[in-house]
Each structure stands twice: as structure tokens, then as C-alpha cells.
N, C-alpha and C. Protein backbone atom coordinates (compact mmCIF):
# COMPACT_ATOMS: atom_id res chain seq x y z
N MET A 1 -128.58 55.77 216.68
CA MET A 1 -129.48 54.93 215.90
C MET A 1 -130.34 54.07 216.82
N ASP A 2 -130.34 54.36 218.10
CA ASP A 2 -131.17 53.62 219.04
C ASP A 2 -132.63 54.04 218.98
N ASN A 3 -132.98 54.85 217.99
CA ASN A 3 -134.37 55.27 217.88
C ASN A 3 -135.06 54.66 216.67
N LYS A 4 -134.38 53.75 215.96
CA LYS A 4 -135.00 53.05 214.83
C LYS A 4 -135.44 51.67 215.29
N LEU A 5 -136.72 51.37 215.08
CA LEU A 5 -137.32 50.15 215.59
C LEU A 5 -137.71 49.21 214.46
N TYR A 6 -137.52 47.93 214.71
CA TYR A 6 -138.04 46.87 213.85
C TYR A 6 -139.41 46.50 214.41
N VAL A 7 -140.40 46.38 213.53
CA VAL A 7 -141.75 45.99 213.94
C VAL A 7 -142.14 44.77 213.11
N GLY A 8 -142.26 43.64 213.77
CA GLY A 8 -142.57 42.40 213.06
C GLY A 8 -143.95 41.87 213.40
N ASN A 9 -144.36 40.87 212.61
CA ASN A 9 -145.64 40.19 212.76
C ASN A 9 -146.81 41.13 212.48
N LEU A 10 -146.62 42.03 211.53
CA LEU A 10 -147.69 42.95 211.14
C LEU A 10 -148.72 42.23 210.28
N SER A 11 -149.94 42.68 210.36
CA SER A 11 -150.98 42.22 209.45
C SER A 11 -150.59 42.65 208.04
N TYR A 12 -150.91 41.83 207.05
CA TYR A 12 -150.58 42.18 205.67
C TYR A 12 -151.39 43.38 205.17
N ALA A 13 -152.40 43.77 205.92
CA ALA A 13 -153.22 44.94 205.54
C ALA A 13 -152.62 46.24 206.08
N THR A 14 -151.63 46.16 206.96
CA THR A 14 -151.04 47.36 207.57
C THR A 14 -150.26 48.16 206.54
N ARG A 15 -150.47 49.46 206.54
CA ARG A 15 -149.76 50.37 205.64
C ARG A 15 -148.94 51.37 206.45
N ASP A 16 -148.13 52.15 205.78
CA ASP A 16 -147.25 53.12 206.45
C ASP A 16 -148.02 54.03 207.40
N GLU A 17 -149.15 54.55 206.94
CA GLU A 17 -149.94 55.48 207.75
C GLU A 17 -150.46 54.81 209.02
N ASP A 18 -150.86 53.54 208.90
CA ASP A 18 -151.35 52.80 210.06
C ASP A 18 -150.24 52.65 211.10
N LEU A 19 -149.05 52.32 210.63
CA LEU A 19 -147.91 52.14 211.52
C LEU A 19 -147.56 53.45 212.22
N GLN A 20 -147.57 54.53 211.45
CA GLN A 20 -147.28 55.86 212.03
C GLN A 20 -148.29 56.19 213.12
N GLN A 21 -149.56 55.95 212.85
CA GLN A 21 -150.61 56.25 213.81
C GLN A 21 -150.49 55.38 215.06
N GLN A 22 -150.21 54.10 214.89
CA GLN A 22 -150.10 53.19 216.03
C GLN A 22 -148.97 53.61 216.97
N PHE A 23 -147.84 54.07 216.41
CA PHE A 23 -146.68 54.39 217.24
C PHE A 23 -146.67 55.83 217.74
N SER A 24 -147.51 56.69 217.21
CA SER A 24 -147.54 58.08 217.65
C SER A 24 -148.02 58.21 219.09
N GLN A 25 -148.70 57.20 219.61
CA GLN A 25 -149.14 57.25 221.01
C GLN A 25 -147.99 57.08 221.99
N TYR A 26 -146.82 56.65 221.50
CA TYR A 26 -145.66 56.43 222.37
C TYR A 26 -144.64 57.57 222.30
N GLY A 27 -144.84 58.49 221.39
CA GLY A 27 -143.92 59.60 221.22
C GLY A 27 -143.97 60.11 219.79
N GLN A 28 -143.03 60.95 219.45
CA GLN A 28 -143.00 61.57 218.14
C GLN A 28 -142.35 60.63 217.12
N VAL A 29 -143.08 60.33 216.04
CA VAL A 29 -142.61 59.42 215.00
C VAL A 29 -141.95 60.23 213.88
N ALA A 30 -140.70 59.91 213.58
CA ALA A 30 -139.99 60.59 212.49
C ALA A 30 -140.36 59.96 211.14
N SER A 31 -140.49 58.62 211.11
CA SER A 31 -140.88 57.94 209.88
C SER A 31 -141.41 56.55 210.21
N ALA A 32 -142.24 56.03 209.33
CA ALA A 32 -142.79 54.68 209.47
C ALA A 32 -142.88 54.07 208.08
N LYS A 33 -142.34 52.87 207.93
CA LYS A 33 -142.32 52.24 206.62
C LYS A 33 -142.60 50.75 206.74
N VAL A 34 -143.66 50.29 206.07
CA VAL A 34 -143.96 48.86 205.97
C VAL A 34 -143.22 48.36 204.73
N MET A 35 -142.49 47.28 204.88
CA MET A 35 -141.72 46.74 203.76
C MET A 35 -142.64 45.96 202.82
N MET A 36 -142.51 46.27 201.54
CA MET A 36 -143.39 45.66 200.54
C MET A 36 -142.57 44.80 199.58
N ASP A 37 -143.17 43.71 199.12
CA ASP A 37 -142.53 42.85 198.15
C ASP A 37 -142.48 43.58 196.81
N ARG A 38 -141.32 43.61 196.21
CA ARG A 38 -141.13 44.34 194.97
C ARG A 38 -141.98 43.78 193.82
N ASP A 39 -142.09 42.46 193.75
CA ASP A 39 -142.79 41.85 192.62
C ASP A 39 -144.31 41.86 192.78
N SER A 40 -144.79 41.48 193.98
CA SER A 40 -146.23 41.36 194.16
C SER A 40 -146.89 42.63 194.68
N GLY A 41 -146.10 43.53 195.28
CA GLY A 41 -146.66 44.74 195.87
C GLY A 41 -147.35 44.48 197.20
N ARG A 42 -147.21 43.28 197.73
CA ARG A 42 -147.85 42.89 198.98
C ARG A 42 -146.90 43.13 200.15
N SER A 43 -147.45 43.42 201.32
CA SER A 43 -146.65 43.62 202.51
C SER A 43 -145.86 42.36 202.84
N LYS A 44 -144.66 42.56 203.37
CA LYS A 44 -143.84 41.44 203.83
C LYS A 44 -144.13 41.09 205.29
N GLY A 45 -144.99 41.88 205.95
CA GLY A 45 -145.36 41.57 207.32
C GLY A 45 -144.44 42.17 208.37
N PHE A 46 -143.56 43.07 207.95
CA PHE A 46 -142.72 43.77 208.92
C PHE A 46 -142.41 45.15 208.40
N GLY A 47 -141.92 46.00 209.30
CA GLY A 47 -141.59 47.36 208.91
C GLY A 47 -140.65 47.99 209.90
N PHE A 48 -140.40 49.27 209.71
CA PHE A 48 -139.49 50.02 210.57
C PHE A 48 -140.14 51.34 210.95
N VAL A 49 -139.95 51.70 212.21
CA VAL A 49 -140.45 52.98 212.71
C VAL A 49 -139.26 53.69 213.32
N GLU A 50 -139.06 54.94 212.92
CA GLU A 50 -138.01 55.75 213.52
C GLU A 50 -138.66 56.78 214.41
N MET A 51 -138.32 56.72 215.67
CA MET A 51 -138.84 57.68 216.65
C MET A 51 -137.87 58.85 216.72
N VAL A 52 -138.36 60.01 217.14
CA VAL A 52 -137.53 61.21 217.19
C VAL A 52 -136.41 61.07 218.23
N SER A 53 -136.70 60.42 219.36
CA SER A 53 -135.69 60.29 220.41
C SER A 53 -135.57 58.85 220.87
N ALA A 54 -134.45 58.54 221.52
CA ALA A 54 -134.23 57.21 222.06
C ALA A 54 -135.23 56.90 223.17
N SER A 55 -135.62 57.91 223.95
CA SER A 55 -136.60 57.67 225.02
C SER A 55 -137.97 57.35 224.43
N ASP A 56 -138.34 58.00 223.32
CA ASP A 56 -139.60 57.66 222.65
C ASP A 56 -139.54 56.23 222.11
N ALA A 57 -138.38 55.83 221.61
CA ALA A 57 -138.21 54.47 221.10
C ALA A 57 -138.39 53.46 222.22
N GLN A 58 -137.80 53.72 223.38
CA GLN A 58 -137.96 52.82 224.52
C GLN A 58 -139.42 52.74 224.97
N ASN A 59 -140.10 53.88 224.98
CA ASN A 59 -141.54 53.89 225.31
C ASN A 59 -142.32 53.03 224.33
N ALA A 60 -141.97 53.12 223.05
CA ALA A 60 -142.67 52.35 222.02
C ALA A 60 -142.41 50.85 222.19
N ILE A 61 -141.18 50.48 222.51
CA ILE A 61 -140.87 49.07 222.72
C ILE A 61 -141.67 48.53 223.90
N GLN A 62 -141.65 49.27 225.00
CA GLN A 62 -142.37 48.82 226.21
C GLN A 62 -143.87 48.78 225.98
N GLY A 63 -144.40 49.73 225.21
CA GLY A 63 -145.84 49.80 225.00
C GLY A 63 -146.37 48.90 223.92
N ALA A 64 -145.62 48.72 222.84
CA ALA A 64 -146.16 48.01 221.68
C ALA A 64 -145.73 46.55 221.58
N ASN A 65 -144.57 46.20 222.11
CA ASN A 65 -144.10 44.82 221.99
C ASN A 65 -145.07 43.87 222.68
N GLY A 66 -145.56 42.90 221.92
CA GLY A 66 -146.52 41.92 222.45
C GLY A 66 -147.97 42.34 222.35
N GLN A 67 -148.23 43.60 222.00
CA GLN A 67 -149.61 44.07 221.86
C GLN A 67 -150.26 43.42 220.64
N THR A 68 -151.53 43.09 220.76
CA THR A 68 -152.26 42.50 219.65
C THR A 68 -152.87 43.60 218.79
N VAL A 69 -152.51 43.59 217.51
CA VAL A 69 -153.06 44.53 216.54
C VAL A 69 -153.54 43.72 215.34
N ASP A 70 -154.78 43.87 214.98
CA ASP A 70 -155.39 43.10 213.88
C ASP A 70 -155.21 41.60 214.09
N GLY A 71 -155.31 41.15 215.35
CA GLY A 71 -155.23 39.73 215.65
C GLY A 71 -153.83 39.16 215.69
N ARG A 72 -152.81 40.02 215.63
CA ARG A 72 -151.42 39.55 215.62
C ARG A 72 -150.63 40.24 216.72
N ALA A 73 -149.81 39.48 217.44
CA ALA A 73 -148.97 40.04 218.51
C ALA A 73 -147.72 40.65 217.90
N LEU A 74 -147.57 41.96 218.05
CA LEU A 74 -146.42 42.66 217.46
C LEU A 74 -145.12 42.27 218.14
N VAL A 75 -144.05 42.26 217.36
CA VAL A 75 -142.69 42.10 217.86
C VAL A 75 -142.00 43.43 217.59
N VAL A 76 -141.57 44.11 218.65
CA VAL A 76 -140.95 45.42 218.50
C VAL A 76 -139.63 45.43 219.25
N ASN A 77 -138.56 45.78 218.55
CA ASN A 77 -137.25 45.92 219.20
C ASN A 77 -136.38 46.88 218.40
N ILE A 78 -135.22 47.20 218.94
CA ILE A 78 -134.28 48.09 218.24
C ILE A 78 -133.84 47.41 216.95
N ALA A 79 -133.89 48.14 215.86
CA ALA A 79 -133.49 47.58 214.56
C ALA A 79 -131.98 47.38 214.53
N ARG A 80 -131.57 46.25 214.01
CA ARG A 80 -130.15 45.99 213.81
C ARG A 80 -129.71 46.64 212.52
N PRO A 81 -128.44 47.02 212.43
CA PRO A 81 -127.94 47.58 211.17
C PRO A 81 -128.08 46.55 210.04
N ARG A 82 -128.35 47.03 208.87
CA ARG A 82 -128.51 46.16 207.72
C ARG A 82 -127.19 45.49 207.39
N GLU A 83 -127.23 44.17 207.21
CA GLU A 83 -126.02 43.44 206.87
C GLU A 83 -125.74 43.61 205.38
N GLU A 84 -124.48 43.80 205.08
CA GLU A 84 -124.09 43.93 203.68
C GLU A 84 -124.16 42.57 203.01
N ARG A 85 -124.70 42.57 201.82
CA ARG A 85 -124.76 41.33 201.03
C ARG A 85 -123.62 41.35 200.05
N PRO A 86 -123.17 40.16 199.66
CA PRO A 86 -122.10 40.13 198.65
C PRO A 86 -122.58 40.78 197.36
N GLY A 87 -121.68 41.47 196.67
CA GLY A 87 -122.05 42.16 195.44
C GLY A 87 -122.30 41.22 194.29
N GLY A 88 -122.74 41.76 193.21
CA GLY A 88 -122.96 40.96 192.01
C GLY A 88 -124.34 40.34 191.98
N PHE A 89 -124.52 39.51 191.01
CA PHE A 89 -125.81 38.87 190.81
C PHE A 89 -125.79 37.41 191.24
N GLY A 90 -124.85 37.04 192.04
CA GLY A 90 -124.80 35.66 192.53
C GLY A 90 -124.19 34.75 191.50
N GLY A 91 -123.82 33.62 191.95
CA GLY A 91 -123.20 32.65 191.05
C GLY A 91 -124.26 31.89 190.31
N GLY A 92 -123.95 31.53 189.16
CA GLY A 92 -124.83 30.68 188.39
C GLY A 92 -124.00 29.52 187.92
N GLY A 93 -124.62 28.51 187.51
CA GLY A 93 -123.85 27.40 187.00
C GLY A 93 -123.96 27.37 185.50
N GLY A 94 -122.95 26.89 184.88
CA GLY A 94 -123.08 26.62 183.45
C GLY A 94 -122.99 27.83 182.57
N GLY A 95 -124.08 28.36 182.21
CA GLY A 95 -124.10 29.43 181.24
C GLY A 95 -124.66 28.90 179.94
N TYR A 96 -124.28 29.51 178.84
CA TYR A 96 -124.81 29.15 177.53
C TYR A 96 -124.03 28.00 176.93
N ARG A 97 -124.74 26.98 176.46
CA ARG A 97 -124.08 25.86 175.78
C ARG A 97 -124.40 25.94 174.31
N SER A 98 -123.39 25.88 173.54
CA SER A 98 -123.63 25.90 172.11
C SER A 98 -123.41 24.51 171.54
N GLY A 99 -123.80 24.34 170.35
CA GLY A 99 -123.63 23.05 169.70
C GLY A 99 -124.96 22.56 169.18
N ASN A 100 -124.92 21.44 168.53
CA ASN A 100 -126.15 20.94 167.92
C ASN A 100 -126.62 19.65 168.58
N GLY A 101 -126.26 19.44 169.83
CA GLY A 101 -126.81 18.30 170.55
C GLY A 101 -126.09 17.00 170.29
N GLY A 102 -124.81 17.03 170.10
CA GLY A 102 -124.06 15.78 170.00
C GLY A 102 -124.03 15.18 168.61
N GLY A 103 -124.22 15.96 167.62
CA GLY A 103 -124.05 15.46 166.25
C GLY A 103 -125.26 14.77 165.68
N ARG A 104 -126.41 14.89 166.27
CA ARG A 104 -127.59 14.26 165.69
C ARG A 104 -127.99 15.00 164.43
N GLY A 105 -128.34 14.27 163.48
CA GLY A 105 -128.74 14.86 162.22
C GLY A 105 -130.22 15.12 162.16
N ARG A 106 -130.64 15.66 161.07
CA ARG A 106 -132.07 15.92 160.85
C ARG A 106 -132.76 14.64 160.45
N TYR A 107 -134.03 14.56 160.77
CA TYR A 107 -134.81 13.38 160.39
C TYR A 107 -135.64 13.66 159.20
């Protein structure tokens, strides 16, 4: 898994195809994905590039890390494994309260 790269500080205009093209100069790109916000559909400003080999990944890190693209200095390094999040929908407080508000009557 030493061939999967994290690419940060991307321009919000960057798309998957742009990322693939930018990294193809360093070796063979297996996949390129810009992470998008589920609700707004807007880029989150980072993505992942998977290179075919570990040597291509090292070439990409050396070549692209710190390079300015669309006015932004890229951050490129080996992607860390995704951390597992606790299951469920998180804790909430309270829940549903029933009742008529402390016995107040109608006016």
C-alpha cells in the first residue's frame, strides 16, 4: 500500500481528471480521486492518487510535494490507512419529551 498517496491543499476547482493528468508525469497512475463534500458537491481540497508501483509513488512525492498548482503548494505523502470510526449514529442527548408543558391549561 506504499503506492497510495494523499494529496492535500488542492484548488477547489481540481477534479479527478486534473489530478490524474498532474501525476501521470511521475509514473503510471492507477487511480485519482478528489474527495467531494456529500451535501454541497464541492471539493474538500484533498484527494488520493494510487500509483501503479511504489517507485512511481516515490517519484510523485519527490516531484509534486511543494509544487505550486493553481496558486497552491501541494502536500503529497504516503496515505495513512483510514482510521475506523465508532459505529452507530453518535450519542444524542435527551430524545423525545412528552407531556403538555407542566400542566398549563388553555387560555
